[in-house]
Amino acid sequence: MSELEDEITLENKNKKYNYKINTNLSYGFLKNRILELFFSENSQENSIIELKKLFKENQIPIRPNRSNRRNTSKYRTRRKSKVTKNQKDTI
């Protein structure tokens, strides 16, 4: 990913926002191909090139001064539901 960040900054120089790789999607792409990368007898370069292409296609803008506060007090009223048992506890 660090190799691609330099390329992304150069490509998006004329755009309104700076862009970065969507890490959530990149982990998903890696998850599906991790076994292929480690255990394949063919060259790994094809898989790496494919992953780089997917990473470059899925970018998200970095919007400055953007933050949303989480309202944690609304979660306090929630409680776990009580699970009833159909059998006695074992010793």
N, C-alpha and C. Protein backbone atom coordinates (compact mmCIF):
# COMPACT_ATOMS: atom_id res chain seq x y z
N MET A 1 0.82 -1.19 0.00
CA MET A 1 0.00 0.00 0.00
C MET A 1 0.87 1.26 0.00
N SER A 2 2.01 1.19 0.66
CA SER A 2 2.86 2.38 0.73
C SER A 2 3.43 2.74 -0.65
N GLU A 3 3.64 1.74 -1.49
CA GLU A 3 4.12 2.00 -2.86
C GLU A 3 3.07 2.79 -3.64
N LEU A 4 1.82 2.44 -3.45
CA LEU A 4 0.75 3.06 -4.21
C LEU A 4 0.40 4.46 -3.72
N GLU A 5 0.68 4.78 -2.46
CA GLU A 5 0.31 6.08 -1.93
C GLU A 5 1.02 7.21 -2.66
N ASP A 6 2.28 7.00 -3.04
CA ASP A 6 3.00 8.02 -3.79
C ASP A 6 2.38 8.22 -5.16
N GLU A 7 2.02 7.13 -5.82
CA GLU A 7 1.38 7.22 -7.13
C GLU A 7 0.02 7.92 -7.03
N ILE A 8 -0.72 7.61 -5.99
CA ILE A 8 -2.05 8.20 -5.82
C ILE A 8 -1.95 9.71 -5.61
N THR A 9 -0.98 10.15 -4.82
CA THR A 9 -0.83 11.59 -4.59
C THR A 9 -0.47 12.32 -5.89
N LEU A 10 0.34 11.70 -6.73
CA LEU A 10 0.68 12.34 -8.01
C LEU A 10 -0.51 12.37 -8.96
N GLU A 11 -1.28 11.29 -9.01
CA GLU A 11 -2.43 11.23 -9.92
C GLU A 11 -3.55 12.19 -9.51
N ASN A 12 -3.72 12.37 -8.22
CA ASN A 12 -4.83 13.18 -7.72
C ASN A 12 -4.41 14.60 -7.35
N LYS A 13 -3.33 15.05 -7.92
CA LYS A 13 -2.80 16.37 -7.60
C LYS A 13 -3.76 17.49 -8.03
N ASN A 14 -4.47 17.29 -9.12
CA ASN A 14 -5.35 18.33 -9.65
C ASN A 14 -6.79 18.19 -9.17
N LYS A 15 -7.05 17.26 -8.29
CA LYS A 15 -8.41 17.05 -7.80
C LYS A 15 -8.65 17.89 -6.54
N LYS A 16 -9.90 18.01 -6.18
CA LYS A 16 -10.29 18.84 -5.04
C LYS A 16 -9.76 18.29 -3.72
N TYR A 17 -9.89 16.98 -3.51
CA TYR A 17 -9.47 16.35 -2.27
C TYR A 17 -8.28 15.45 -2.50
N ASN A 18 -7.55 15.19 -1.44
CA ASN A 18 -6.54 14.14 -1.48
C ASN A 18 -7.26 12.82 -1.28
N TYR A 19 -6.72 11.76 -1.84
CA TYR A 19 -7.35 10.45 -1.75
C TYR A 19 -6.42 9.46 -1.09
N LYS A 20 -7.01 8.44 -0.47
CA LYS A 20 -6.24 7.35 0.11
C LYS A 20 -6.93 6.04 -0.21
N ILE A 21 -6.23 4.95 0.00
CA ILE A 21 -6.76 3.62 -0.28
C ILE A 21 -7.78 3.26 0.80
N ASN A 22 -8.88 2.68 0.39
CA ASN A 22 -9.91 2.24 1.32
C ASN A 22 -9.40 0.98 2.03
N THR A 23 -9.01 1.12 3.29
CA THR A 23 -8.39 0.00 4.00
C THR A 23 -9.36 -1.13 4.26
N ASN A 24 -10.63 -0.81 4.48
CA ASN A 24 -11.61 -1.86 4.73
C ASN A 24 -11.73 -2.79 3.52
N LEU A 25 -11.84 -2.21 2.34
CA LEU A 25 -11.93 -3.03 1.13
C LEU A 25 -10.61 -3.75 0.84
N SER A 26 -9.49 -3.08 1.12
CA SER A 26 -8.20 -3.72 0.84
C SER A 26 -8.00 -4.96 1.69
N TYR A 27 -8.45 -4.93 2.95
CA TYR A 27 -8.35 -6.13 3.78
C TYR A 27 -9.23 -7.25 3.22
N GLY A 28 -10.38 -6.89 2.70
CA GLY A 28 -11.26 -7.89 2.09
C GLY A 28 -10.63 -8.51 0.86
N PHE A 29 -9.98 -7.69 0.03
CA PHE A 29 -9.32 -8.22 -1.16
C PHE A 29 -8.17 -9.15 -0.77
N LEU A 30 -7.42 -8.76 0.25
CA LEU A 30 -6.32 -9.60 0.71
C LEU A 30 -6.82 -10.91 1.31
N LYS A 31 -7.91 -10.82 2.05
CA LYS A 31 -8.46 -12.01 2.70
C LYS A 31 -8.80 -13.08 1.68
N ASN A 32 -9.34 -12.67 0.54
CA ASN A 32 -9.73 -13.62 -0.49
C ASN A 32 -8.54 -14.20 -1.25
N ARG A 33 -7.39 -13.54 -1.20
CA ARG A 33 -6.26 -13.98 -2.01
C ARG A 33 -5.03 -14.39 -1.20
N ILE A 34 -5.13 -14.42 0.11
CA ILE A 34 -3.94 -14.67 0.94
C ILE A 34 -3.38 -16.07 0.73
N LEU A 35 -4.23 -17.06 0.60
CA LEU A 35 -3.74 -18.43 0.37
C LEU A 35 -3.07 -18.55 -0.99
N GLU A 36 -3.64 -17.88 -1.96
CA GLU A 36 -3.07 -17.90 -3.31
C GLU A 36 -1.67 -17.28 -3.31
N LEU A 37 -1.48 -16.23 -2.52
CA LEU A 37 -0.17 -15.58 -2.47
C LEU A 37 0.89 -16.47 -1.84
N PHE A 38 0.52 -17.18 -0.78
CA PHE A 38 1.53 -17.97 -0.07
C PHE A 38 1.75 -19.36 -0.64
N PHE A 39 0.69 -19.99 -1.13
CA PHE A 39 0.83 -21.40 -1.50
C PHE A 39 0.80 -21.67 -3.00
N SER A 40 0.72 -20.66 -3.81
CA SER A 40 0.67 -20.89 -5.24
C SER A 40 2.07 -21.13 -5.79
N GLU A 41 2.15 -22.06 -6.72
CA GLU A 41 3.45 -22.37 -7.33
C GLU A 41 3.75 -21.41 -8.47
N ASN A 42 2.72 -20.78 -9.02
CA ASN A 42 2.92 -19.80 -10.08
C ASN A 42 3.52 -18.52 -9.48
N SER A 43 3.91 -17.63 -10.35
CA SER A 43 4.53 -16.40 -9.86
C SER A 43 3.50 -15.57 -9.09
N GLN A 44 3.97 -14.94 -8.05
CA GLN A 44 3.10 -14.13 -7.21
C GLN A 44 2.90 -12.74 -7.79
N GLU A 45 3.66 -12.40 -8.80
CA GLU A 45 3.59 -11.06 -9.37
C GLU A 45 2.21 -10.77 -9.95
N ASN A 46 1.58 -11.77 -10.58
CA ASN A 46 0.25 -11.54 -11.15
C ASN A 46 -0.76 -11.19 -10.07
N SER A 47 -0.70 -11.88 -8.95
CA SER A 47 -1.62 -11.59 -7.85
C SER A 47 -1.36 -10.22 -7.27
N ILE A 48 -0.11 -9.86 -7.14
CA ILE A 48 0.24 -8.56 -6.57
C ILE A 48 -0.20 -7.43 -7.50
N ILE A 49 -0.02 -7.61 -8.79
CA ILE A 49 -0.46 -6.60 -9.76
C ILE A 49 -1.97 -6.44 -9.72
N GLU A 50 -2.68 -7.55 -9.61
CA GLU A 50 -4.14 -7.50 -9.51
C GLU A 50 -4.59 -6.78 -8.25
N LEU A 51 -3.91 -7.05 -7.13
CA LEU A 51 -4.25 -6.37 -5.87
C LEU A 51 -3.99 -4.88 -5.96
N LYS A 52 -2.87 -4.49 -6.55
CA LYS A 52 -2.56 -3.07 -6.70
C LYS A 52 -3.61 -2.37 -7.55
N LYS A 53 -4.06 -3.05 -8.60
CA LYS A 53 -5.09 -2.47 -9.46
C LYS A 53 -6.39 -2.27 -8.68
N LEU A 54 -6.78 -3.27 -7.87
CA LEU A 54 -7.98 -3.15 -7.06
C LEU A 54 -7.85 -2.03 -6.02
N PHE A 55 -6.68 -1.90 -5.43
CA PHE A 55 -6.46 -0.85 -4.44
C PHE A 55 -6.59 0.53 -5.07
N LYS A 56 -6.03 0.69 -6.28
CA LYS A 56 -6.09 1.99 -6.95
C LYS A 56 -7.51 2.34 -7.40
N GLU A 57 -8.32 1.32 -7.71
CA GLU A 57 -9.69 1.57 -8.13
C GLU A 57 -10.59 1.98 -6.97
N ASN A 58 -10.26 1.55 -5.77
CA ASN A 58 -11.10 1.81 -4.60
C ASN A 58 -10.40 2.77 -3.65
N GLN A 59 -10.59 4.04 -3.93
CA GLN A 59 -10.01 5.10 -3.12
C GLN A 59 -11.13 5.90 -2.48
N ILE A 60 -10.81 6.54 -1.36
CA ILE A 60 -11.78 7.40 -0.70
C ILE A 60 -11.15 8.77 -0.47
N PRO A 61 -11.94 9.84 -0.55
CA PRO A 61 -11.38 11.18 -0.36
C PRO A 61 -11.12 11.47 1.11
N ILE A 62 -10.10 12.26 1.35
CA ILE A 62 -9.81 12.73 2.70
C ILE A 62 -10.40 14.13 2.80
N ARG A 63 -11.48 14.26 3.54
CA ARG A 63 -12.15 15.55 3.67
C ARG A 63 -11.64 16.26 4.93
N PRO A 64 -11.10 17.46 4.79
CA PRO A 64 -10.56 18.15 5.97
C PRO A 64 -11.66 18.64 6.90
N ASN A 65 -11.30 18.78 8.18
CA ASN A 65 -12.20 19.29 9.22
C ASN A 65 -13.50 18.51 9.29
N ARG A 66 -13.41 17.22 9.18
CA ARG A 66 -14.60 16.39 9.23
C ARG A 66 -14.51 15.47 10.43
N SER A 67 -15.41 15.64 11.36
CA SER A 67 -15.45 14.76 12.52
C SER A 67 -16.87 14.71 13.04
N ASN A 68 -17.29 13.54 13.41
CA ASN A 68 -18.62 13.35 13.96
C ASN A 68 -18.49 12.77 15.35
N ARG A 69 -19.07 13.45 16.33
CA ARG A 69 -19.03 12.94 17.69
C ARG A 69 -19.99 11.79 17.83
N ARG A 70 -19.58 10.81 18.60
CA ARG A 70 -20.45 9.67 18.88
C ARG A 70 -21.20 9.95 20.16
N ASN A 71 -22.48 9.70 20.14
CA ASN A 71 -23.31 9.88 21.32
C ASN A 71 -23.33 8.56 22.08
N THR A 72 -22.44 8.43 23.06
CA THR A 72 -22.31 7.17 23.77
C THR A 72 -23.41 6.97 24.81
N SER A 73 -24.08 8.04 25.21
CA SER A 73 -25.09 7.89 26.26
C SER A 73 -26.33 7.14 25.76
N LYS A 74 -26.55 7.11 24.47
CA LYS A 74 -27.73 6.41 23.97
C LYS A 74 -27.59 4.89 24.07
N TYR A 75 -26.38 4.40 24.26
CA TYR A 75 -26.17 2.96 24.36
C TYR A 75 -26.29 2.45 25.79
N ARG A 76 -26.33 3.35 26.76
CA ARG A 76 -26.39 2.92 28.16
C ARG A 76 -27.70 2.24 28.51
N THR A 77 -28.77 2.64 27.86
CA THR A 77 -30.07 2.09 28.21
C THR A 77 -30.27 0.68 27.67
N ARG A 78 -29.48 0.30 26.72
CA ARG A 78 -29.61 -1.05 26.16
C ARG A 78 -29.06 -2.08 27.13
N ARG A 79 -29.74 -3.15 27.24
CA ARG A 79 -29.28 -4.24 28.10
C ARG A 79 -29.37 -5.53 27.32
N LYS A 80 -28.56 -6.47 27.73
CA LYS A 80 -28.62 -7.78 27.08
C LYS A 80 -29.91 -8.48 27.49
N SER A 81 -30.49 -9.14 26.56
CA SER A 81 -31.72 -9.86 26.88
C SER A 81 -31.39 -11.08 27.72
N LYS A 82 -32.32 -11.44 28.58
CA LYS A 82 -32.10 -12.58 29.46
C LYS A 82 -32.46 -13.86 28.72
N VAL A 83 -31.51 -14.78 28.69
CA VAL A 83 -31.72 -16.05 27.99
C VAL A 83 -32.24 -17.07 28.99
N THR A 84 -33.37 -17.63 28.69
CA THR A 84 -33.92 -18.66 29.60
C THR A 84 -33.33 -20.00 29.23
N LYS A 85 -33.15 -20.84 30.24
CA LYS A 85 -32.58 -22.15 30.03
C LYS A 85 -33.67 -23.21 30.04
N ASN A 86 -33.52 -24.21 29.25
CA ASN A 86 -34.46 -25.32 29.24
C ASN A 86 -33.94 -26.53 30.00
N GLN A 87 -32.79 -26.34 30.64
CA GLN A 87 -32.22 -27.47 31.36
C GLN A 87 -31.53 -26.97 32.62
N LYS A 88 -31.26 -27.88 33.53
CA LYS A 88 -30.61 -27.51 34.78
C LYS A 88 -29.10 -27.34 34.54
N ASP A 89 -28.48 -26.58 35.41
CA ASP A 89 -27.02 -26.42 35.34
C ASP A 89 -26.34 -27.71 35.76
N THR A 90 -25.23 -28.00 35.16
CA THR A 90 -24.46 -29.21 35.53
C THR A 90 -23.55 -28.89 36.70
N ILE A 91 -23.09 -29.90 37.36
CA ILE A 91 -22.23 -29.70 38.53
C ILE A 91 -20.84 -29.37 38.13
